[in-house]
Amino acid sequence: MAETYKNCQSCGMPLKKSPNGGGTNADKSISTMYCAYCYEDGKFKQPDITAAEMQVFCKAKLREMGFPGFIAGLFVKGIPKLERWKNK
């Protein structure tokens, strides 16, 4: 059985905040690993992005949402430790 995660293993966003509760796998089922913003139809929406680039992207999105820079920085700090980036 596949492991179920609370947060997207690409960007760190809580999966419960993702539209439909997660991205979609190739068979159209809901992904229990990645959010709808990162993953669709079994593929990453940004396949060539690096963990460092994802941190910059997510921090900017959090700032747009009104989070202070310090807090946004804390939220994105763990991105390189997520499953998508572990072996890169």
PDB file of N, CA and C in Angstrom:
ATOM      1  N   MET A   1       0.839  -1.191   0.000  1.00  0.00           N
ATOM      2  CA  MET A   1       0.000   0.000   0.000  1.00  0.00           C
ATOM      3  C   MET A   1       0.880   1.248   0.000  1.00  0.00           C
ATOM      4  N   ALA A   2       0.507   2.228  -0.800  1.00  0.00           N
ATOM      5  CA  ALA A   2       1.288   3.460  -0.901  1.00  0.00           C
ATOM      6  C   ALA A   2       1.168   4.260   0.399  1.00  0.00           C
ATOM      7  N   GLU A   3       2.256   4.911   0.741  1.00  0.00           N
ATOM      8  CA  GLU A   3       2.244   5.739   1.945  1.00  0.00           C
ATOM      9  C   GLU A   3       1.394   6.984   1.693  1.00  0.00           C
ATOM     10  N   THR A   4       0.696   7.439   2.713  1.00  0.00           N
ATOM     11  CA  THR A   4      -0.101   8.655   2.609  1.00  0.00           C
ATOM     12  C   THR A   4       0.635   9.772   3.342  1.00  0.00           C
ATOM     13  N   TYR A   5       0.714  10.911   2.684  1.00  0.00           N
ATOM     14  CA  TYR A   5       1.427  12.051   3.235  1.00  0.00           C
ATOM     15  C   TYR A   5       0.445  13.171   3.564  1.00  0.00           C
ATOM     16  N   LYS A   6       0.800  13.990   4.549  1.00  0.00           N
ATOM     17  CA  LYS A   6      -0.017  15.154   4.891  1.00  0.00           C
ATOM     18  C   LYS A   6       0.334  16.337   3.988  1.00  0.00           C
ATOM     19  N   ASN A   7       1.603  16.398   3.560  1.00  0.00           N
ATOM     20  CA  ASN A   7       2.081  17.511   2.739  1.00  0.00           C
ATOM     21  C   ASN A   7       2.580  17.004   1.394  1.00  0.00           C
ATOM     22  N   CYS A   8       2.461  17.866   0.389  1.00  0.00           N
ATOM     23  CA  CYS A   8       2.976  17.555  -0.942  1.00  0.00           C
ATOM     24  C   CYS A   8       4.475  17.263  -0.829  1.00  0.00           C
ATOM     25  N   GLN A   9       4.916  16.201  -1.466  1.00  0.00           N
ATOM     26  CA  GLN A   9       6.318  15.802  -1.389  1.00  0.00           C
ATOM     27  C   GLN A   9       7.164  16.460  -2.478  1.00  0.00           C
ATOM     28  N   SER A  10       6.614  17.533  -3.074  1.00  0.00           N
ATOM     29  CA  SER A  10       7.355  18.336  -4.039  1.00  0.00           C
ATOM     30  C   SER A  10       7.518  19.765  -3.519  1.00  0.00           C
ATOM     31  N   CYS A  11       6.404  20.369  -3.029  1.00  0.00           N
ATOM     32  CA  CYS A  11       6.461  21.772  -2.582  1.00  0.00           C
ATOM     33  C   CYS A  11       6.231  21.954  -1.088  1.00  0.00           C
ATOM     34  N   GLY A  12       5.695  20.942  -0.415  1.00  0.00           N
ATOM     35  CA  GLY A  12       5.476  21.029   1.024  1.00  0.00           C
ATOM     36  C   GLY A  12       4.113  21.548   1.444  1.00  0.00           C
ATOM     37  N   MET A  13       3.271  21.932   0.490  1.00  0.00           N
ATOM     38  CA  MET A  13       1.946  22.444   0.833  1.00  0.00           C
ATOM     39  C   MET A  13       1.077  21.336   1.437  1.00  0.00           C
ATOM     40  N   PRO A  14       0.278  21.669   2.446  1.00  0.00           N
ATOM     41  CA  PRO A  14      -0.627  20.649   2.982  1.00  0.00           C
ATOM     42  C   PRO A  14      -1.571  20.138   1.880  1.00  0.00           C
ATOM     43  N   LEU A  15      -1.659  18.825   1.739  1.00  0.00           N
ATOM     44  CA  LEU A  15      -2.504  18.254   0.681  1.00  0.00           C
ATOM     45  C   LEU A  15      -3.972  18.613   0.857  1.00  0.00           C
ATOM     46  N   LYS A  16      -4.397  18.858   2.098  1.00  0.00           N
ATOM     47  CA  LYS A  16      -5.800  19.224   2.302  1.00  0.00           C
ATOM     48  C   LYS A  16      -6.117  20.608   1.715  1.00  0.00           C
ATOM     49  N   LYS A  17      -5.100  21.416   1.447  1.00  0.00           N
ATOM     50  CA  LYS A  17      -5.291  22.727   0.824  1.00  0.00           C
ATOM     51  C   LYS A  17      -5.288  22.642  -0.700  1.00  0.00           C
ATOM     52  N   SER A  18      -4.902  21.501  -1.238  1.00  0.00           N
ATOM     53  CA  SER A  18      -4.835  21.304  -2.682  1.00  0.00           C
ATOM     54  C   SER A  18      -6.237  21.099  -3.253  1.00  0.00           C
ATOM     55  N   PRO A  19      -6.517  21.667  -4.440  1.00  0.00           N
ATOM     56  CA  PRO A  19      -7.802  21.367  -5.071  1.00  0.00           C
ATOM     57  C   PRO A  19      -7.966  19.847  -5.212  1.00  0.00           C
ATOM     58  N   ASN A  20      -9.114  19.331  -4.842  1.00  0.00           N
ATOM     59  CA  ASN A  20      -9.417  17.890  -4.889  1.00  0.00           C
ATOM     60  C   ASN A  20      -8.581  17.053  -3.929  1.00  0.00           C
ATOM     61  N   GLY A  21      -7.788  17.670  -3.067  1.00  0.00           N
ATOM     62  CA  GLY A  21      -7.012  16.931  -2.084  1.00  0.00           C
ATOM     63  C   GLY A  21      -5.723  16.337  -2.602  1.00  0.00           C
ATOM     64  N   GLY A  22      -5.324  16.691  -3.817  1.00  0.00           N
ATOM     65  CA  GLY A  22      -4.070  16.199  -4.377  1.00  0.00           C
ATOM     66  C   GLY A  22      -4.070  16.287  -5.886  1.00  0.00           C
ATOM     67  N   GLY A  23      -2.904  16.071  -6.472  1.00  0.00           N
ATOM     68  CA  GLY A  23      -2.794  16.039  -7.923  1.00  0.00           C
ATOM     69  C   GLY A  23      -3.409  14.756  -8.455  1.00  0.00           C
ATOM     70  N   THR A  24      -3.271  14.528  -9.759  1.00  0.00           N
ATOM     71  CA  THR A  24      -3.846  13.322 -10.342  1.00  0.00           C
ATOM     72  C   THR A  24      -2.754  12.408 -10.886  1.00  0.00           C
ATOM     73  N   ASN A  25      -2.948  11.117 -10.656  1.00  0.00           N
ATOM     74  CA  ASN A  25      -2.055  10.104 -11.210  1.00  0.00           C
ATOM     75  C   ASN A  25      -2.440   9.853 -12.670  1.00  0.00           C
ATOM     76  N   ALA A  26      -1.631   9.068 -13.365  1.00  0.00           N
ATOM     77  CA  ALA A  26      -1.892   8.763 -14.775  1.00  0.00           C
ATOM     78  C   ALA A  26      -3.265   8.114 -14.974  1.00  0.00           C
ATOM     79  N   ASP A  27      -3.735   7.355 -13.982  1.00  0.00           N
ATOM     80  CA  ASP A  27      -5.047   6.694 -14.086  1.00  0.00           C
ATOM     81  C   ASP A  27      -6.194   7.577 -13.589  1.00  0.00           C
ATOM     82  N   LYS A  28      -5.909   8.873 -13.391  1.00  0.00           N
ATOM     83  CA  LYS A  28      -6.876   9.884 -12.935  1.00  0.00           C
ATOM     84  C   LYS A  28      -7.247   9.782 -11.457  1.00  0.00           C
ATOM     85  N   SER A  29      -6.641   8.850 -10.720  1.00  0.00           N
ATOM     86  CA  SER A  29      -6.878   8.786  -9.283  1.00  0.00           C
ATOM     87  C   SER A  29      -6.143   9.943  -8.611  1.00  0.00           C
ATOM     88  N   ILE A  30      -6.557  10.278  -7.391  1.00  0.00           N
ATOM     89  CA  ILE A  30      -5.941  11.378  -6.647  1.00  0.00           C
ATOM     90  C   ILE A  30      -4.607  10.915  -6.059  1.00  0.00           C
ATOM     91  N   SER A  31      -3.585  11.709  -6.263  1.00  0.00           N
ATOM     92  CA  SER A  31      -2.263  11.400  -5.717  1.00  0.00           C
ATOM     93  C   SER A  31      -2.267  11.641  -4.214  1.00  0.00           C
ATOM     94  N   THR A  32      -1.709  10.702  -3.455  1.00  0.00           N
ATOM     95  CA  THR A  32      -1.577  10.873  -2.008  1.00  0.00           C
ATOM     96  C   THR A  32      -0.193  11.415  -1.658  1.00  0.00           C
ATOM     97  N   MET A  33       0.558  11.797  -2.706  1.00  0.00           N
ATOM     98  CA  MET A  33       1.931  12.247  -2.500  1.00  0.00           C
ATOM     99  C   MET A  33       2.175  13.687  -2.966  1.00  0.00           C
ATOM    100  N   TYR A  34       1.478  14.115  -4.008  1.00  0.00           N
ATOM    101  CA  TYR A  34       1.739  15.427  -4.611  1.00  0.00           C
ATOM    102  C   TYR A  34       0.455  16.234  -4.775  1.00  0.00           C
ATOM    103  N   CYS A  35       0.578  17.561  -4.681  1.00  0.00           N
ATOM    104  CA  CYS A  35      -0.581  18.449  -4.805  1.00  0.00           C
ATOM    105  C   CYS A  35      -0.926  18.715  -6.274  1.00  0.00           C
ATOM    106  N   ALA A  36      -2.095  19.307  -6.480  1.00  0.00           N
ATOM    107  CA  ALA A  36      -2.581  19.611  -7.829  1.00  0.00           C
ATOM    108  C   ALA A  36      -1.731  20.684  -8.516  1.00  0.00           C
ATOM    109  N   TYR A  37      -1.009  21.482  -7.753  1.00  0.00           N
ATOM    110  CA  TYR A  37      -0.177  22.529  -8.347  1.00  0.00           C
ATOM    111  C   TYR A  37       1.149  21.974  -8.880  1.00  0.00           C
ATOM    112  N   CYS A  38       1.559  20.817  -8.373  1.00  0.00           N
ATOM    113  CA  CYS A  38       2.830  20.208  -8.778  1.00  0.00           C
ATOM    114  C   CYS A  38       2.665  19.026  -9.732  1.00  0.00           C
ATOM    115  N   TYR A  39       1.529  18.345  -9.658  1.00  0.00           N
ATOM    116  CA  TYR A  39       1.404  17.037 -10.296  1.00  0.00           C
ATOM    117  C   TYR A  39       0.043  16.885 -10.973  1.00  0.00           C
ATOM    118  N   GLU A  40       0.067  16.458 -12.245  1.00  0.00           N
ATOM    119  CA  GLU A  40      -1.174  16.276 -12.995  1.00  0.00           C
ATOM    120  C   GLU A  40      -0.983  15.164 -14.026  1.00  0.00           C
ATOM    121  N   ASP A  41      -1.948  14.262 -14.096  1.00  0.00           N
ATOM    122  CA  ASP A  41      -1.911  13.141 -15.043  1.00  0.00           C
ATOM    123  C   ASP A  41      -0.637  12.304 -14.925  1.00  0.00           C
ATOM    124  N   GLY A  42      -0.140  12.151 -13.698  1.00  0.00           N
ATOM    125  CA  GLY A  42       1.028  11.314 -13.467  1.00  0.00           C
ATOM    126  C   GLY A  42       2.353  11.961 -13.805  1.00  0.00           C
ATOM    127  N   LYS A  43       2.341  13.281 -14.037  1.00  0.00           N
ATOM    128  CA  LYS A  43       3.579  13.982 -14.400  1.00  0.00           C
ATOM    129  C   LYS A  43       3.695  15.270 -13.598  1.00  0.00           C
ATOM    130  N   PHE A  44       4.939  15.680 -13.350  1.00  0.00           N
ATOM    131  CA  PHE A  44       5.166  16.963 -12.687  1.00  0.00           C
ATOM    132  C   PHE A  44       4.896  18.087 -13.671  1.00  0.00           C
ATOM    133  N   LYS A  45       4.262  19.144 -13.193  1.00  0.00           N
ATOM    134  CA  LYS A  45       3.975  20.293 -14.049  1.00  0.00           C
ATOM    135  C   LYS A  45       5.253  21.056 -14.396  1.00  0.00           C
ATOM    136  N   GLN A  46       6.233  21.000 -13.505  1.00  0.00           N
ATOM    137  CA  GLN A  46       7.533  21.636 -13.747  1.00  0.00           C
ATOM    138  C   GLN A  46       8.604  20.551 -13.595  1.00  0.00           C
ATOM    139  N   PRO A  47       8.771  19.684 -14.605  1.00  0.00           N
ATOM    140  CA  PRO A  47       9.662  18.527 -14.454  1.00  0.00           C
ATOM    141  C   PRO A  47      11.144  18.877 -14.294  1.00  0.00           C
ATOM    142  N   ASP A  48      11.560  20.033 -14.776  1.00  0.00           N
ATOM    143  CA  ASP A  48      12.984  20.374 -14.743  1.00  0.00           C
ATOM    144  C   ASP A  48      13.375  21.319 -13.615  1.00  0.00           C
ATOM    145  N   ILE A  49      12.439  21.654 -12.744  1.00  0.00           N
ATOM    146  CA  ILE A  49      12.738  22.575 -11.640  1.00  0.00           C
ATOM    147  C   ILE A  49      13.612  21.855 -10.604  1.00  0.00           C
ATOM    148  N   THR A  50      14.508  22.600  -9.975  1.00  0.00           N
ATOM    149  CA  THR A  50      15.348  22.032  -8.916  1.00  0.00           C
ATOM    150  C   THR A  50      14.719  22.329  -7.559  1.00  0.00           C
ATOM    151  N   ALA A  51      15.220  21.673  -6.535  1.00  0.00           N
ATOM    152  CA  ALA A  51      14.714  21.926  -5.182  1.00  0.00           C
ATOM    153  C   ALA A  51      14.938  23.388  -4.795  1.00  0.00           C
ATOM    154  N   ALA A  52      16.104  23.940  -5.128  1.00  0.00           N
ATOM    155  CA  ALA A  52      16.396  25.335  -4.793  1.00  0.00           C
ATOM    156  C   ALA A  52      15.448  26.285  -5.532  1.00  0.00           C
ATOM    157  N   GLU A  53      15.159  25.984  -6.797  1.00  0.00           N
ATOM    158  CA  GLU A  53      14.224  26.814  -7.562  1.00  0.00           C
ATOM    159  C   GLU A  53      12.811  26.696  -6.990  1.00  0.00           C
ATOM    160  N   MET A  54      12.443  25.500  -6.541  1.00  0.00           N
ATOM    161  CA  MET A  54      11.124  25.300  -5.926  1.00  0.00           C
ATOM    162  C   MET A  54      11.020  26.117  -4.643  1.00  0.00           C
ATOM    163  N   GLN A  55      12.108  26.194  -3.877  1.00  0.00           N
ATOM    164  CA  GLN A  55      12.104  26.995  -2.652  1.00  0.00           C
ATOM    165  C   GLN A  55      11.850  28.466  -2.974  1.00  0.00           C
ATOM    166  N   VAL A  56      12.531  28.980  -3.986  1.00  0.00           N
ATOM    167  CA  VAL A  56      12.363  30.383  -4.377  1.00  0.00           C
ATOM    168  C   VAL A  56      10.932  30.620  -4.851  1.00  0.00           C
ATOM    169  N   PHE A  57      10.415  29.717  -5.685  1.00  0.00           N
ATOM    170  CA  PHE A  57       9.058  29.828  -6.221  1.00  0.00           C
ATOM    171  C   PHE A  57       8.023  29.828  -5.092  1.00  0.00           C
ATOM    172  N   CYS A  58       8.148  28.881  -4.168  1.00  0.00           N
ATOM    173  CA  CYS A  58       7.183  28.749  -3.071  1.00  0.00           C
ATOM    174  C   CYS A  58       7.271  29.926  -2.106  1.00  0.00           C
ATOM    175  N   LYS A  59       8.468  30.390  -1.848  1.00  0.00           N
ATOM    176  CA  LYS A  59       8.627  31.540  -0.953  1.00  0.00           C
ATOM    177  C   LYS A  59       7.942  32.767  -1.553  1.00  0.00           C
ATOM    178  N   ALA A  60       8.091  32.960  -2.863  1.00  0.00           N
ATOM    179  CA  ALA A  60       7.435  34.087  -3.523  1.00  0.00           C
ATOM    180  C   ALA A  60       5.908  33.957  -3.431  1.00  0.00           C
ATOM    181  N   LYS A  61       5.390  32.740  -3.619  1.00  0.00           N
ATOM    182  CA  LYS A  61       3.936  32.516  -3.519  1.00  0.00           C
ATOM    183  C   LYS A  61       3.441  32.815  -2.101  1.00  0.00           C
ATOM    184  N   LEU A  62       4.184  32.366  -1.104  1.00  0.00           N
ATOM    185  CA  LEU A  62       3.805  32.625   0.284  1.00  0.00           C
ATOM    186  C   LEU A  62       3.816  34.124   0.580  1.00  0.00           C
ATOM    187  N   ARG A  63       4.796  34.821   0.051  1.00  0.00           N
ATOM    188  CA  ARG A  63       4.862  36.286   0.235  1.00  0.00           C
ATOM    189  C   ARG A  63       3.648  36.950  -0.406  1.00  0.00           C
ATOM    190  N   GLU A  64       3.265  36.478  -1.609  1.00  0.00           N
ATOM    191  CA  GLU A  64       2.071  37.006  -2.287  1.00  0.00           C
ATOM    192  C   GLU A  64       0.821  36.814  -1.426  1.00  0.00           C
ATOM    193  N   MET A  65       0.803  35.717  -0.679  1.00  0.00           N
ATOM    194  CA  MET A  65      -0.349  35.406   0.170  1.00  0.00           C
ATOM    195  C   MET A  65      -0.323  36.184   1.481  1.00  0.00           C
ATOM    196  N   GLY A  66       0.734  36.971   1.706  1.00  0.00           N
ATOM    197  CA  GLY A  66       0.791  37.820   2.886  1.00  0.00           C
ATOM    198  C   GLY A  66       1.656  37.314   4.022  1.00  0.00           C
ATOM    199  N   PHE A  67       2.343  36.191   3.819  1.00  0.00           N
ATOM    200  CA  PHE A  67       3.229  35.688   4.866  1.00  0.00           C
ATOM    201  C   PHE A  67       4.480  36.558   4.936  1.00  0.00           C
ATOM    202  N   PRO A  68       4.959  36.885   6.142  1.00  0.00           N
ATOM    203  CA  PRO A  68       6.215  37.629   6.261  1.00  0.00           C
ATOM    204  C   PRO A  68       7.370  36.797   5.690  1.00  0.00           C
ATOM    205  N   GLY A  69       8.394  37.455   5.189  1.00  0.00           N
ATOM    206  CA  GLY A  69       9.535  36.768   4.576  1.00  0.00           C
ATOM    207  C   GLY A  69      10.169  35.729   5.479  1.00  0.00           C
ATOM    208  N   PHE A  70      10.304  36.058   6.757  1.00  0.00           N
ATOM    209  CA  PHE A  70      10.927  35.130   7.704  1.00  0.00           C
ATOM    210  C   PHE A  70      10.119  33.839   7.817  1.00  0.00           C
ATOM    211  N   ILE A  71       8.810  33.971   7.925  1.00  0.00           N
ATOM    212  CA  ILE A  71       7.923  32.806   8.049  1.00  0.00           C
ATOM    213  C   ILE A  71       7.932  32.005   6.746  1.00  0.00           C
ATOM    214  N   ALA A  72       7.848  32.696   5.625  1.00  0.00           N
ATOM    215  CA  ALA A  72       7.889  32.014   4.324  1.00  0.00           C
ATOM    216  C   ALA A  72       9.197  31.229   4.186  1.00  0.00           C
ATOM    217  N   GLY A  73      10.291  31.821   4.637  1.00  0.00           N
ATOM    218  CA  GLY A  73      11.587  31.146   4.596  1.00  0.00           C
ATOM    219  C   GLY A  73      11.608  29.879   5.432  1.00  0.00           C
ATOM    220  N   LEU A  74      10.952  29.931   6.590  1.00  0.00           N
ATOM    221  CA  LEU A  74      10.875  28.727   7.444  1.00  0.00           C
ATOM    222  C   LEU A  74      10.069  27.623   6.762  1.00  0.00           C
ATOM    223  N   PHE A  75       8.963  27.999   6.123  1.00  0.00           N
ATOM    224  CA  PHE A  75       8.109  27.012   5.466  1.00  0.00           C
ATOM    225  C   PHE A  75       8.836  26.291   4.330  1.00  0.00           C
ATOM    226  N   VAL A  76       9.672  26.990   3.593  1.00  0.00           N
ATOM    227  CA  VAL A  76      10.318  26.370   2.425  1.00  0.00           C
ATOM    228  C   VAL A  76      11.650  25.704   2.756  1.00  0.00           C
ATOM    229  N   LYS A  77      12.119  25.888   3.964  1.00  0.00           N
ATOM    230  CA  LYS A  77      13.428  25.352   4.362  1.00  0.00           C
ATOM    231  C   LYS A  77      13.543  23.834   4.157  1.00  0.00           C
ATOM    232  N   GLY A  78      12.458  23.107   4.408  1.00  0.00           N
ATOM    233  CA  GLY A  78      12.498  21.652   4.343  1.00  0.00           C
ATOM    234  C   GLY A  78      12.265  21.050   2.962  1.00  0.00           C
ATOM    235  N   ILE A  79      12.025  21.870   1.948  1.00  0.00           N
ATOM    236  CA  ILE A  79      11.723  21.340   0.607  1.00  0.00           C
ATOM    237  C   ILE A  79      12.772  20.336   0.114  1.00  0.00           C
ATOM    238  N   PRO A  80      14.078  20.596   0.248  1.00  0.00           N
ATOM    239  CA  PRO A  80      15.054  19.610  -0.258  1.00  0.00           C
ATOM    240  C   PRO A  80      14.985  18.238   0.420  1.00  0.00           C
ATOM    241  N   LYS A  81      14.314  18.150   1.564  1.00  0.00           N
ATOM    242  CA  LYS A  81      14.207  16.872   2.277  1.00  0.00           C
ATOM    243  C   LYS A  81      12.965  16.074   1.871  1.00  0.00           C
ATOM    244  N   LEU A  82      12.100  16.652   1.035  1.00  0.00           N
ATOM    245  CA  LEU A  82      10.899  15.955   0.604  1.00  0.00           C
ATOM    246  C   LEU A  82      11.242  14.841  -0.384  1.00  0.00           C
ATOM    247  N   GLU A  83      10.334  13.865  -0.539  1.00  0.00           N
ATOM    248  CA  GLU A  83      10.587  12.680  -1.342  1.00  0.00           C
ATOM    249  C   GLU A  83      11.036  12.982  -2.772  1.00  0.00           C
ATOM    250  N   ARG A  84      10.439  13.968  -3.417  1.00  0.00           N
ATOM    251  CA  ARG A  84      10.803  14.268  -4.802  1.00  0.00           C
ATOM    252  C   ARG A  84      12.282  14.623  -4.945  1.00  0.00           C
ATOM    253  N   TRP A  85      12.855  15.247  -3.938  1.00  0.00           N
ATOM    254  CA  TRP A  85      14.210  15.774  -4.044  1.00  0.00           C
ATOM    255  C   TRP A  85      15.262  14.924  -3.360  1.00  0.00           C
ATOM    256  N   LYS A  86      14.884  13.916  -2.615  1.00  0.00           N
ATOM    257  CA  LYS A  86      15.827  13.159  -1.793  1.00  0.00           C
ATOM    258  C   LYS A  86      17.002  12.570  -2.563  1.00  0.00           C
ATOM    259  N   ASN A  87      16.769  12.067  -3.759  1.00  0.00           N
ATOM    260  CA  ASN A  87      17.844  11.408  -4.517  1.00  0.00           C
ATOM    261  C   ASN A  87      18.442  12.280  -5.614  1.00  0.00           C
ATOM    262  N   LYS A  88      18.223  13.574  -5.518  1.00  0.00           N
ATOM    263  CA  LYS A  88      18.732  14.471  -6.571  1.00  0.00           C
ATOM    264  C   LYS A  88      19.969  15.183  -6.127  1.00  0.00           C
TER     265      LYS A  88
END
